[in-house]
């Protein structure tokens, strides 16, 4: 586990923390390279998605939560992203169908 997420705050002065993720610095390793290529190669990583290395999507709440819990994997991230794309495509087709637009 790399940190935690505030789910609630008893004290009203602490409400700003709710929904935020806290990362423990002592559990994070500093990497001194621009793209992480050398580190990925050492760890046997490097699976690509669309021609790019698979990295944590910092805009995806689920991926961040997995990262902070220490359970994030590139395979899991790729699977989740594929499922999200498929869900969005089904929703798009549904909406277009309701509007009478055929794809």
PDB file of N, CA and C in Angstrom:
ATOM      1  N   UNK A   1       0.846  -1.169   0.000  1.00  0.00           N
ATOM      2  CA  UNK A   1       0.000   0.000   0.000  1.00  0.00           C
ATOM      3  C   UNK A   1       0.899   1.242   0.000  1.00  0.00           C
ATOM      4  N   UNK A   2       0.602   2.177  -0.886  1.00  0.00           N
ATOM      5  CA  UNK A   2       1.415   3.388  -1.003  1.00  0.00           C
ATOM      6  C   UNK A   2       0.834   4.578  -0.259  1.00  0.00           C
ATOM      7  N   UNK A   3      -0.423   4.498   0.126  1.00  0.00           N
ATOM      8  CA  UNK A   3      -1.072   5.609   0.794  1.00  0.00           C
ATOM      9  C   UNK A   3      -2.506   5.260   1.114  1.00  0.00           C
ATOM     10  N   UNK A   4      -3.353   6.278   1.189  1.00  0.00           N
ATOM     11  CA  UNK A   4      -4.755   6.057   1.496  1.00  0.00           C
ATOM     12  C   UNK A   4      -5.612   7.149   0.898  1.00  0.00           C
ATOM     13  N   UNK A   5      -6.928   6.947   0.950  1.00  0.00           N
ATOM     14  CA  UNK A   5      -7.879   7.916   0.428  1.00  0.00           C
ATOM     15  C   UNK A   5      -8.817   8.316   1.564  1.00  0.00           C
ATOM     16  N   UNK A   6      -9.023   9.613   1.735  1.00  0.00           N
ATOM     17  CA  UNK A   6      -9.946  10.089   2.749  1.00  0.00           C
ATOM     18  C   UNK A   6     -11.376   9.883   2.277  1.00  0.00           C
ATOM     19  N   UNK A   7     -12.138   9.109   3.016  1.00  0.00           N
ATOM     20  CA  UNK A   7     -13.542   8.849   2.676  1.00  0.00           C
ATOM     21  C   UNK A   7     -14.485   9.751   3.454  1.00  0.00           C
ATOM     22  N   UNK A   8     -14.069  10.175   4.640  1.00  0.00           N
ATOM     23  CA  UNK A   8     -14.920  11.030   5.470  1.00  0.00           C
ATOM     24  C   UNK A   8     -14.028  11.825   6.417  1.00  0.00           C
ATOM     25  N   UNK A   9     -14.589  12.887   6.951  1.00  0.00           N
ATOM     26  CA  UNK A   9     -13.867  13.704   7.931  1.00  0.00           C
ATOM     27  C   UNK A   9     -14.838  14.105   9.040  1.00  0.00           C
ATOM     28  N   UNK A  10     -14.480  13.798  10.263  1.00  0.00           N
ATOM     29  CA  UNK A  10     -15.316  14.139  11.411  1.00  0.00           C
ATOM     30  C   UNK A  10     -15.299  15.655  11.667  1.00  0.00           C
ATOM     31  N   UNK A  11     -14.117  16.216  11.636  1.00  0.00           N
ATOM     32  CA  UNK A  11     -13.940  17.643  11.919  1.00  0.00           C
ATOM     33  C   UNK A  11     -14.241  18.459  10.658  1.00  0.00           C
ATOM     34  N   UNK A  12     -15.038  19.484  10.783  1.00  0.00           N
ATOM     35  CA  UNK A  12     -15.433  20.297   9.634  1.00  0.00           C
ATOM     36  C   UNK A  12     -14.237  20.982   8.984  1.00  0.00           C
ATOM     37  N   UNK A  13     -13.185  21.246   9.759  1.00  0.00           N
ATOM     38  CA  UNK A  13     -11.998  21.888   9.184  1.00  0.00           C
ATOM     39  C   UNK A  13     -11.185  20.915   8.325  1.00  0.00           C
ATOM     40  N   UNK A  14     -11.504  19.631   8.382  1.00  0.00           N
ATOM     41  CA  UNK A  14     -10.790  18.624   7.609  1.00  0.00           C
ATOM     42  C   UNK A  14     -11.571  18.155   6.380  1.00  0.00           C
ATOM     43  N   UNK A  15     -12.750  18.726   6.133  1.00  0.00           N
ATOM     44  CA  UNK A  15     -13.622  18.304   5.030  1.00  0.00           C
ATOM     45  C   UNK A  15     -12.936  18.428   3.669  1.00  0.00           C
ATOM     46  N   UNK A  16     -11.994  19.349   3.537  1.00  0.00           N
ATOM     47  CA  UNK A  16     -11.308  19.530   2.252  1.00  0.00           C
ATOM     48  C   UNK A  16     -10.514  18.286   1.836  1.00  0.00           C
ATOM     49  N   UNK A  17     -10.222  17.399   2.791  1.00  0.00           N
ATOM     50  CA  UNK A  17      -9.448  16.188   2.499  1.00  0.00           C
ATOM     51  C   UNK A  17     -10.299  15.071   1.901  1.00  0.00           C
ATOM     52  N   UNK A  18     -11.621  15.123   2.076  1.00  0.00           N
ATOM     53  CA  UNK A  18     -12.493  14.041   1.624  1.00  0.00           C
ATOM     54  C   UNK A  18     -12.367  13.860   0.108  1.00  0.00           C
ATOM     55  N   UNK A  19     -12.156  12.612  -0.301  1.00  0.00           N
ATOM     56  CA  UNK A  19     -11.997  12.286  -1.719  1.00  0.00           C
ATOM     57  C   UNK A  19     -10.568  12.403  -2.213  1.00  0.00           C
ATOM     58  N   UNK A  20      -9.673  12.945  -1.398  1.00  0.00           N
ATOM     59  CA  UNK A  20      -8.269  13.111  -1.798  1.00  0.00           C
ATOM     60  C   UNK A  20      -7.478  11.852  -1.453  1.00  0.00           C
ATOM     61  N   UNK A  21      -6.416  11.615  -2.213  1.00  0.00           N
ATOM     62  CA  UNK A  21      -5.538  10.488  -1.963  1.00  0.00           C
ATOM     63  C   UNK A  21      -4.223  10.996  -1.393  1.00  0.00           C
ATOM     64  N   UNK A  22      -3.773  10.332  -0.354  1.00  0.00           N
ATOM     65  CA  UNK A  22      -2.543  10.709   0.320  1.00  0.00           C
ATOM     66  C   UNK A  22      -1.487   9.655   0.009  1.00  0.00           C
ATOM     67  N   UNK A  23      -0.346  10.086  -0.462  1.00  0.00           N
ATOM     68  CA  UNK A  23       0.745   9.201  -0.827  1.00  0.00           C
ATOM     69  C   UNK A  23       1.837   9.301   0.233  1.00  0.00           C
ATOM     70  N   UNK A  24       2.268   8.172   0.785  1.00  0.00           N
ATOM     71  CA  UNK A  24       3.339   8.170   1.777  1.00  0.00           C
ATOM     72  C   UNK A  24       4.680   8.223   1.055  1.00  0.00           C
ATOM     73  N   UNK A  25       5.411   9.284   1.260  1.00  0.00           N
ATOM     74  CA  UNK A  25       6.687   9.472   0.564  1.00  0.00           C
ATOM     75  C   UNK A  25       7.670   8.341   0.829  1.00  0.00           C
ATOM     76  N   UNK A  26       7.638   7.772   2.016  1.00  0.00           N
ATOM     77  CA  UNK A  26       8.595   6.716   2.352  1.00  0.00           C
ATOM     78  C   UNK A  26       8.369   5.447   1.540  1.00  0.00           C
ATOM     79  N   UNK A  27       7.190   5.315   0.918  1.00  0.00           N
ATOM     80  CA  UNK A  27       6.874   4.118   0.144  1.00  0.00           C
ATOM     81  C   UNK A  27       7.044   4.332  -1.363  1.00  0.00           C
ATOM     82  N   UNK A  28       7.527   5.505  -1.754  1.00  0.00           N
ATOM     83  CA  UNK A  28       7.674   5.838  -3.165  1.00  0.00           C
ATOM     84  C   UNK A  28       9.155   5.903  -3.503  1.00  0.00           C
ATOM     85  N   UNK A  29       9.508   5.334  -4.639  1.00  0.00           N
ATOM     86  CA  UNK A  29      10.895   5.334  -5.079  1.00  0.00           C
ATOM     87  C   UNK A  29      11.099   6.434  -6.111  1.00  0.00           C
ATOM     88  N   UNK A  30      12.143   7.215  -5.943  1.00  0.00           N
ATOM     89  CA  UNK A  30      12.465   8.263  -6.900  1.00  0.00           C
ATOM     90  C   UNK A  30      13.223   7.654  -8.075  1.00  0.00           C
ATOM     91  N   UNK A  31      12.820   8.012  -9.285  1.00  0.00           N
ATOM     92  CA  UNK A  31      13.476   7.520 -10.492  1.00  0.00           C
ATOM     93  C   UNK A  31      14.045   8.723 -11.227  1.00  0.00           C
ATOM     94  N   UNK A  32      15.337   8.669 -11.523  1.00  0.00           N
ATOM     95  CA  UNK A  32      16.009   9.785 -12.188  1.00  0.00           C
ATOM     96  C   UNK A  32      16.176   9.519 -13.673  1.00  0.00           C
ATOM     97  N   UNK A  33      15.074   9.503 -14.389  1.00  0.00           N
ATOM     98  CA  UNK A  33      15.136   9.434 -15.841  1.00  0.00           C
ATOM     99  C   UNK A  33      13.856  10.058 -16.378  1.00  0.00           C
ATOM    100  N   UNK A  34      13.915  10.570 -17.566  1.00  0.00           N
ATOM    101  CA  UNK A  34      12.791  11.325 -18.121  1.00  0.00           C
ATOM    102  C   UNK A  34      11.580  10.453 -18.398  1.00  0.00           C
ATOM    103  N   UNK A  35      11.725   9.359 -19.135  1.00  0.00           N
ATOM    104  CA  UNK A  35      10.573   8.569 -19.548  1.00  0.00           C
ATOM    105  C   UNK A  35      10.432   7.240 -18.822  1.00  0.00           C
ATOM    106  N   UNK A  36      11.342   6.903 -17.951  1.00  0.00           N
ATOM    107  CA  UNK A  36      11.258   5.651 -17.220  1.00  0.00           C
ATOM    108  C   UNK A  36      11.661   4.446 -18.033  1.00  0.00           C
ATOM    109  N   UNK A  37      12.154   4.622 -19.248  1.00  0.00           N
ATOM    110  CA  UNK A  37      12.495   3.512 -20.124  1.00  0.00           C
ATOM    111  C   UNK A  37      13.494   2.540 -19.523  1.00  0.00           C
ATOM    112  N   UNK A  38      14.556   3.063 -18.915  1.00  0.00           N
ATOM    113  CA  UNK A  38      15.568   2.189 -18.335  1.00  0.00           C
ATOM    114  C   UNK A  38      15.002   1.391 -17.175  1.00  0.00           C
ATOM    115  N   UNK A  39      14.224   2.020 -16.333  1.00  0.00           N
ATOM    116  CA  UNK A  39      13.638   1.346 -15.177  1.00  0.00           C
ATOM    117  C   UNK A  39      12.661   0.279 -15.645  1.00  0.00           C
ATOM    118  N   UNK A  40      11.832   0.582 -16.638  1.00  0.00           N
ATOM    119  CA  UNK A  40      10.876  -0.395 -17.153  1.00  0.00           C
ATOM    120  C   UNK A  40      11.604  -1.598 -17.731  1.00  0.00           C
ATOM    121  N   UNK A  41      12.685  -1.351 -18.438  1.00  0.00           N
ATOM    122  CA  UNK A  41      13.430  -2.451 -19.042  1.00  0.00           C
ATOM    123  C   UNK A  41      14.025  -3.352 -17.964  1.00  0.00           C
ATOM    124  N   UNK A  42      14.510  -2.770 -16.871  1.00  0.00           N
ATOM    125  CA  UNK A  42      15.083  -3.553 -15.788  1.00  0.00           C
ATOM    126  C   UNK A  42      14.046  -4.434 -15.117  1.00  0.00           C
ATOM    127  N   UNK A  43      12.830  -3.959 -15.014  1.00  0.00           N
ATOM    128  CA  UNK A  43      11.784  -4.695 -14.321  1.00  0.00           C
ATOM    129  C   UNK A  43      11.026  -5.638 -15.253  1.00  0.00           C
ATOM    130  N   UNK A  44      11.409  -5.713 -16.526  1.00  0.00           N
ATOM    131  CA  UNK A  44      10.723  -6.595 -17.447  1.00  0.00           C
ATOM    132  C   UNK A  44       9.382  -6.050 -17.891  1.00  0.00           C
ATOM    133  N   UNK A  45       9.171  -4.766 -17.715  1.00  0.00           N
ATOM    134  CA  UNK A  45       7.915  -4.146 -18.098  1.00  0.00           C
ATOM    135  C   UNK A  45       8.016  -3.723 -19.555  1.00  0.00           C
ATOM    136  N   UNK A  46       7.115  -2.877 -19.982  1.00  0.00           N
ATOM    137  CA  UNK A  46       7.243  -2.304 -21.293  1.00  0.00           C
ATOM    138  C   UNK A  46       6.150  -2.693 -22.260  1.00  0.00           C
ATOM    139  N   UNK A  47       5.045  -3.260 -21.781  1.00  0.00           N
ATOM    140  CA  UNK A  47       3.938  -3.554 -22.683  1.00  0.00           C
ATOM    141  C   UNK A  47       3.424  -2.237 -23.244  1.00  0.00           C
ATOM    142  N   UNK A  48       3.039  -2.240 -24.484  1.00  0.00           N
ATOM    143  CA  UNK A  48       2.611  -1.002 -25.104  1.00  0.00           C
ATOM    144  C   UNK A  48       1.124  -1.012 -25.399  1.00  0.00           C
ATOM    145  N   UNK A  49       0.555   0.176 -25.391  1.00  0.00           N
ATOM    146  CA  UNK A  49      -0.838   0.396 -25.743  1.00  0.00           C
ATOM    147  C   UNK A  49      -0.842   1.552 -26.722  1.00  0.00           C
ATOM    148  N   UNK A  50      -1.230   1.297 -27.956  1.00  0.00           N
ATOM    149  CA  UNK A  50      -1.229   2.357 -28.957  1.00  0.00           C
ATOM    150  C   UNK A  50       0.157   2.904 -29.207  1.00  0.00           C
ATOM    151  N   UNK A  51       1.190   2.060 -29.107  1.00  0.00           N
ATOM    152  CA  UNK A  51       2.553   2.506 -29.377  1.00  0.00           C
ATOM    153  C   UNK A  51       3.224   3.199 -28.208  1.00  0.00           C
ATOM    154  N   UNK A  52       2.573   3.230 -27.038  1.00  0.00           N
ATOM    155  CA  UNK A  52       3.149   3.905 -25.879  1.00  0.00           C
ATOM    156  C   UNK A  52       3.232   2.942 -24.706  1.00  0.00           C
ATOM    157  N   UNK A  53       4.186   3.189 -23.815  1.00  0.00           N
ATOM    158  CA  UNK A  53       4.299   2.380 -22.603  1.00  0.00           C
ATOM    159  C   UNK A  53       3.021   2.537 -21.779  1.00  0.00           C
ATOM    160  N   UNK A  54       2.627   1.494 -21.098  1.00  0.00           N
ATOM    161  CA  UNK A  54       1.447   1.551 -20.235  1.00  0.00           C
ATOM    162  C   UNK A  54       1.859   2.185 -18.921  1.00  0.00           C
ATOM    163  N   UNK A  55       1.214   3.280 -18.581  1.00  0.00           N
ATOM    164  CA  UNK A  55       1.478   3.983 -17.337  1.00  0.00           C
ATOM    165  C   UNK A  55       0.157   4.230 -16.621  1.00  0.00           C
ATOM    166  N   UNK A  56       0.230   4.592 -15.375  1.00  0.00           N
ATOM    167  CA  UNK A  56      -0.970   4.907 -14.609  1.00  0.00           C
ATOM    168  C   UNK A  56      -1.625   6.143 -15.201  1.00  0.00           C
ATOM    169  N   UNK A  57      -2.922   6.064 -15.415  1.00  0.00           N
ATOM    170  CA  UNK A  57      -3.694   7.208 -15.912  1.00  0.00           C
ATOM    171  C   UNK A  57      -4.082   8.045 -14.700  1.00  0.00           C
ATOM    172  N   UNK A  58      -3.390   9.159 -14.509  1.00  0.00           N
ATOM    173  CA  UNK A  58      -3.613   9.980 -13.312  1.00  0.00           C
ATOM    174  C   UNK A  58      -4.979  10.648 -13.295  1.00  0.00           C
ATOM    175  N   UNK A  59      -5.701  10.597 -14.408  1.00  0.00           N
ATOM    176  CA  UNK A  59      -7.053  11.155 -14.449  1.00  0.00           C
ATOM    177  C   UNK A  59      -8.104  10.089 -14.128  1.00  0.00           C
ATOM    178  N   UNK A  60      -7.685   8.844 -13.970  1.00  0.00           N
ATOM    179  CA  UNK A  60      -8.610   7.741 -13.712  1.00  0.00           C
ATOM    180  C   UNK A  60      -8.589   7.400 -12.229  1.00  0.00           C
ATOM    181  N   UNK A  61      -9.687   7.704 -11.549  1.00  0.00           N
ATOM    182  CA  UNK A  61      -9.805   7.493 -10.110  1.00  0.00           C
ATOM    183  C   UNK A  61      -9.564   6.023  -9.728  1.00  0.00           C
ATOM    184  N   UNK A  62     -10.060   5.093 -10.532  1.00  0.00           N
ATOM    185  CA  UNK A  62      -9.888   3.667 -10.230  1.00  0.00           C
ATOM    186  C   UNK A  62      -8.422   3.248 -10.310  1.00  0.00           C
ATOM    187  N   UNK A  63      -7.725   3.744 -11.317  1.00  0.00           N
ATOM    188  CA  UNK A  63      -6.306   3.403 -11.448  1.00  0.00           C
ATOM    189  C   UNK A  63      -5.488   3.996 -10.313  1.00  0.00           C
ATOM    190  N   UNK A  64      -5.799   5.219  -9.924  1.00  0.00           N
ATOM    191  CA  UNK A  64      -5.077   5.830  -8.811  1.00  0.00           C
ATOM    192  C   UNK A  64      -5.312   5.055  -7.523  1.00  0.00           C
ATOM    193  N   UNK A  65      -6.551   4.636  -7.314  1.00  0.00           N
ATOM    194  CA  UNK A  65      -6.857   3.867  -6.115  1.00  0.00           C
ATOM    195  C   UNK A  65      -6.078   2.553  -6.112  1.00  0.00           C
ATOM    196  N   UNK A  66      -6.027   1.869  -7.265  1.00  0.00           N
ATOM    197  CA  UNK A  66      -5.242   0.629  -7.362  1.00  0.00           C
ATOM    198  C   UNK A  66      -3.767   0.906  -7.084  1.00  0.00           C
ATOM    199  N   UNK A  67      -3.251   2.000  -7.625  1.00  0.00           N
ATOM    200  CA  UNK A  67      -1.854   2.357  -7.417  1.00  0.00           C
ATOM    201  C   UNK A  67      -1.562   2.567  -5.932  1.00  0.00           C
ATOM    202  N   UNK A  68      -2.405   3.339  -5.259  1.00  0.00           N
ATOM    203  CA  UNK A  68      -2.179   3.637  -3.850  1.00  0.00           C
ATOM    204  C   UNK A  68      -2.348   2.410  -2.970  1.00  0.00           C
ATOM    205  N   UNK A  69      -3.167   1.447  -3.409  1.00  0.00           N
ATOM    206  CA  UNK A  69      -3.322   0.200  -2.658  1.00  0.00           C
ATOM    207  C   UNK A  69      -2.198  -0.783  -2.963  1.00  0.00           C
ATOM    208  N   UNK A  70      -1.407  -0.472  -3.988  1.00  0.00           N
ATOM    209  CA  UNK A  70      -0.298  -1.338  -4.360  1.00  0.00           C
ATOM    210  C   UNK A  70      -0.714  -2.527  -5.204  1.00  0.00           C
ATOM    211  N   UNK A  71      -1.890  -2.444  -5.857  1.00  0.00           N
ATOM    212  CA  UNK A  71      -2.367  -3.572  -6.664  1.00  0.00           C
ATOM    213  C   UNK A  71      -2.457  -3.240  -8.150  1.00  0.00           C
ATOM    214  N   UNK A  72      -1.995  -2.048  -8.573  1.00  0.00           N
ATOM    215  CA  UNK A  72      -2.064  -1.661  -9.986  1.00  0.00           C
ATOM    216  C   UNK A  72      -1.129  -2.547 -10.794  1.00  0.00           C
ATOM    217  N   UNK A  73      -1.638  -3.053 -11.939  1.00  0.00           N
ATOM    218  CA  UNK A  73      -0.804  -3.793 -12.888  1.00  0.00           C
ATOM    219  C   UNK A  73      -1.124  -3.287 -14.285  1.00  0.00           C
ATOM    220  N   UNK A  74      -0.166  -3.423 -15.191  1.00  0.00           N
ATOM    221  CA  UNK A  74      -0.419  -2.983 -16.556  1.00  0.00           C
ATOM    222  C   UNK A  74      -1.519  -3.825 -17.191  1.00  0.00           C
ATOM    223  N   UNK A  75      -1.548  -5.126 -16.870  1.00  0.00           N
ATOM    224  CA  UNK A  75      -2.577  -5.996 -17.433  1.00  0.00           C
ATOM    225  C   UNK A  75      -3.965  -5.564 -16.961  1.00  0.00           C
ATOM    226  N   UNK A  76      -4.068  -5.279 -15.668  1.00  0.00           N
ATOM    227  CA  UNK A  76      -5.344  -4.827 -15.108  1.00  0.00           C
ATOM    228  C   UNK A  76      -5.779  -3.501 -15.707  1.00  0.00           C
ATOM    229  N   UNK A  77      -4.806  -2.598 -15.891  1.00  0.00           N
ATOM    230  CA  UNK A  77      -5.116  -1.286 -16.467  1.00  0.00           C
ATOM    231  C   UNK A  77      -5.600  -1.433 -17.909  1.00  0.00           C
ATOM    232  N   UNK A  78      -4.913  -2.275 -18.687  1.00  0.00           N
ATOM    233  CA  UNK A  78      -5.325  -2.486 -20.080  1.00  0.00           C
ATOM    234  C   UNK A  78      -6.711  -3.111 -20.157  1.00  0.00           C
ATOM    235  N   UNK A  79      -6.994  -4.050 -19.278  1.00  0.00           N
ATOM    236  CA  UNK A  79      -8.306  -4.705 -19.249  1.00  0.00           C
ATOM    237  C   UNK A  79      -9.402  -3.691 -18.897  1.00  0.00           C
ATOM    238  N   UNK A  80      -9.148  -2.869 -17.863  1.00  0.00           N
ATOM    239  CA  UNK A  80     -10.133  -1.870 -17.446  1.00  0.00           C
ATOM    240  C   UNK A  80     -10.374  -0.840 -18.553  1.00  0.00           C
ATOM    241  N   UNK A  81      -9.301  -0.408 -19.208  1.00  0.00           N
ATOM    242  CA  UNK A  81      -9.433   0.593 -20.278  1.00  0.00           C
ATOM    243  C   UNK A  81     -10.222   0.031 -21.457  1.00  0.00           C
ATOM    244  N   UNK A  82      -9.962  -1.227 -21.801  1.00  0.00           N
ATOM    245  CA  UNK A  82     -10.705  -1.858 -22.889  1.00  0.00           C
ATOM    246  C   UNK A  82     -12.190  -1.944 -22.542  1.00  0.00           C
ATOM    247  N   UNK A  83     -12.495  -2.348 -21.308  1.00  0.00           N
ATOM    248  CA  UNK A  83     -13.898  -2.444 -20.879  1.00  0.00           C
ATOM    249  C   UNK A  83     -14.572  -1.077 -20.924  1.00  0.00           C
ATOM    250  N   UNK A  84     -13.858  -0.030 -20.521  1.00  0.00           N
ATOM    251  CA  UNK A  84     -14.434   1.326 -20.555  1.00  0.00           C
ATOM    252  C   UNK A  84     -14.696   1.769 -21.988  1.00  0.00           C
ATOM    253  N   UNK A  85     -13.742   1.474 -22.892  1.00  0.00           N
ATOM    254  CA  UNK A  85     -13.944   1.840 -24.301  1.00  0.00           C
ATOM    255  C   UNK A  85     -15.151   1.120 -24.882  1.00  0.00           C
ATOM    256  N   UNK A  86     -15.275  -0.172 -24.578  1.00  0.00           N
ATOM    257  CA  UNK A  86     -16.406  -0.946 -25.080  1.00  0.00           C
ATOM    258  C   UNK A  86     -17.723  -0.428 -24.519  1.00  0.00           C
ATOM    259  N   UNK A  87     -17.744  -0.066 -23.244  1.00  0.00           N
ATOM    260  CA  UNK A  87     -18.954   0.481 -22.629  1.00  0.00           C
ATOM    261  C   UNK A  87     -19.342   1.806 -23.283  1.00  0.00           C
ATOM    262  N   UNK A  88     -18.349   2.672 -23.501  1.00  0.00           N
ATOM    263  CA  UNK A  88     -18.622   3.955 -24.156  1.00  0.00           C
ATOM    264  C   UNK A  88     -19.151   3.754 -25.574  1.00  0.00           C
ATOM    265  N   UNK A  89     -18.593   2.790 -26.292  1.00  0.00           N
ATOM    266  CA  UNK A  89     -19.046   2.519 -27.657  1.00  0.00           C
ATOM    267  C   UNK A  89     -20.486   2.004 -27.661  1.00  0.00           C
ATOM    268  N   UNK A  90     -20.811   1.109 -26.716  1.00  0.00           N
ATOM    269  CA  UNK A  90     -22.194   0.614 -26.619  1.00  0.00           C
ATOM    270  C   UNK A  90     -23.159   1.758 -26.300  1.00  0.00           C
ATOM    271  N   UNK A  91     -22.752   2.637 -25.394  1.00  0.00           N
ATOM    272  CA  UNK A  91     -23.591   3.777 -25.022  1.00  0.00           C
ATOM    273  C   UNK A  91     -23.770   4.721 -26.213  1.00  0.00           C
ATOM    274  N   UNK A  92     -22.704   4.948 -26.955  1.00  0.00           N
ATOM    275  CA  UNK A  92     -22.765   5.810 -28.152  1.00  0.00           C
ATOM    276  C   UNK A  92     -23.746   5.227 -29.171  1.00  0.00           C
ATOM    277  N   UNK A  93     -23.631   3.924 -29.407  1.00  0.00           N
ATOM    278  CA  UNK A  93     -24.527   3.273 -30.362  1.00  0.00           C
ATOM    279  C   UNK A  93     -25.975   3.331 -29.891  1.00  0.00           C
ATOM    280  N   UNK A  94     -26.187   3.185 -28.574  1.00  0.00           N
ATOM    281  CA  UNK A  94     -27.538   3.263 -28.028  1.00  0.00           C
ATOM    282  C   UNK A  94     -28.142   4.649 -28.243  1.00  0.00           C
ATOM    283  N   UNK A  95     -27.376   5.673 -27.934  1.00  0.00           N
ATOM    284  CA  UNK A  95     -27.856   7.056 -28.078  1.00  0.00           C
ATOM    285  C   UNK A  95     -28.133   7.375 -29.548  1.00  0.00           C
ATOM    286  N   UNK A  96     -27.209   6.977 -30.413  1.00  0.00           N
ATOM    287  CA  UNK A  96     -27.422   7.236 -31.843  1.00  0.00           C
ATOM    288  C   UNK A  96     -28.644   6.485 -32.352  1.00  0.00           C
ATOM    289  N   UNK A  97     -28.848   5.251 -31.867  1.00  0.00           N
ATOM    290  CA  UNK A  97     -30.023   4.468 -32.252  1.00  0.00           C
ATOM    291  C   UNK A  97     -31.315   5.137 -31.820  1.00  0.00           C
ATOM    292  N   UNK A  98     -31.310   5.708 -30.617  1.00  0.00           N
ATOM    293  CA  UNK A  98     -32.496   6.426 -30.127  1.00  0.00           C
ATOM    294  C   UNK A  98     -32.791   7.660 -30.991  1.00  0.00           C
ATOM    295  N   UNK A  99     -31.764   8.247 -31.544  1.00  0.00           N
ATOM    296  CA  UNK A  99     -31.915   9.437 -32.382  1.00  0.00           C
ATOM    297  C   UNK A  99     -32.189   9.076 -33.840  1.00  0.00           C
ATOM    298  N   UNK A 100     -32.206   7.783 -34.127  1.00  0.00           N
ATOM    299  CA  UNK A 100     -32.474   7.334 -35.485  1.00  0.00           C
ATOM    300  C   UNK A 100     -31.279   7.397 -36.406  1.00  0.00           C
ATOM    301  N   UNK A 101     -30.088   7.524 -35.842  1.00  0.00           N
ATOM    302  CA  UNK A 101     -28.866   7.566 -36.631  1.00  0.00           C
ATOM    303  C   UNK A 101     -28.279   6.155 -36.634  1.00  0.00           C
ATOM    304  N   UNK A 102     -28.029   5.632 -37.815  1.00  0.00           N
ATOM    305  CA  UNK A 102     -27.456   4.290 -37.910  1.00  0.00           C
ATOM    306  C   UNK A 102     -25.992   4.377 -38.278  1.00  0.00           C
ATOM    307  N   UNK A 103     -25.202   3.638 -37.542  1.00  0.00           N
ATOM    308  CA  UNK A 103     -23.743   3.649 -37.735  1.00  0.00           C
ATOM    309  C   UNK A 103     -23.344   2.568 -38.695  1.00  0.00           C
TER     310      UNK A 103
END
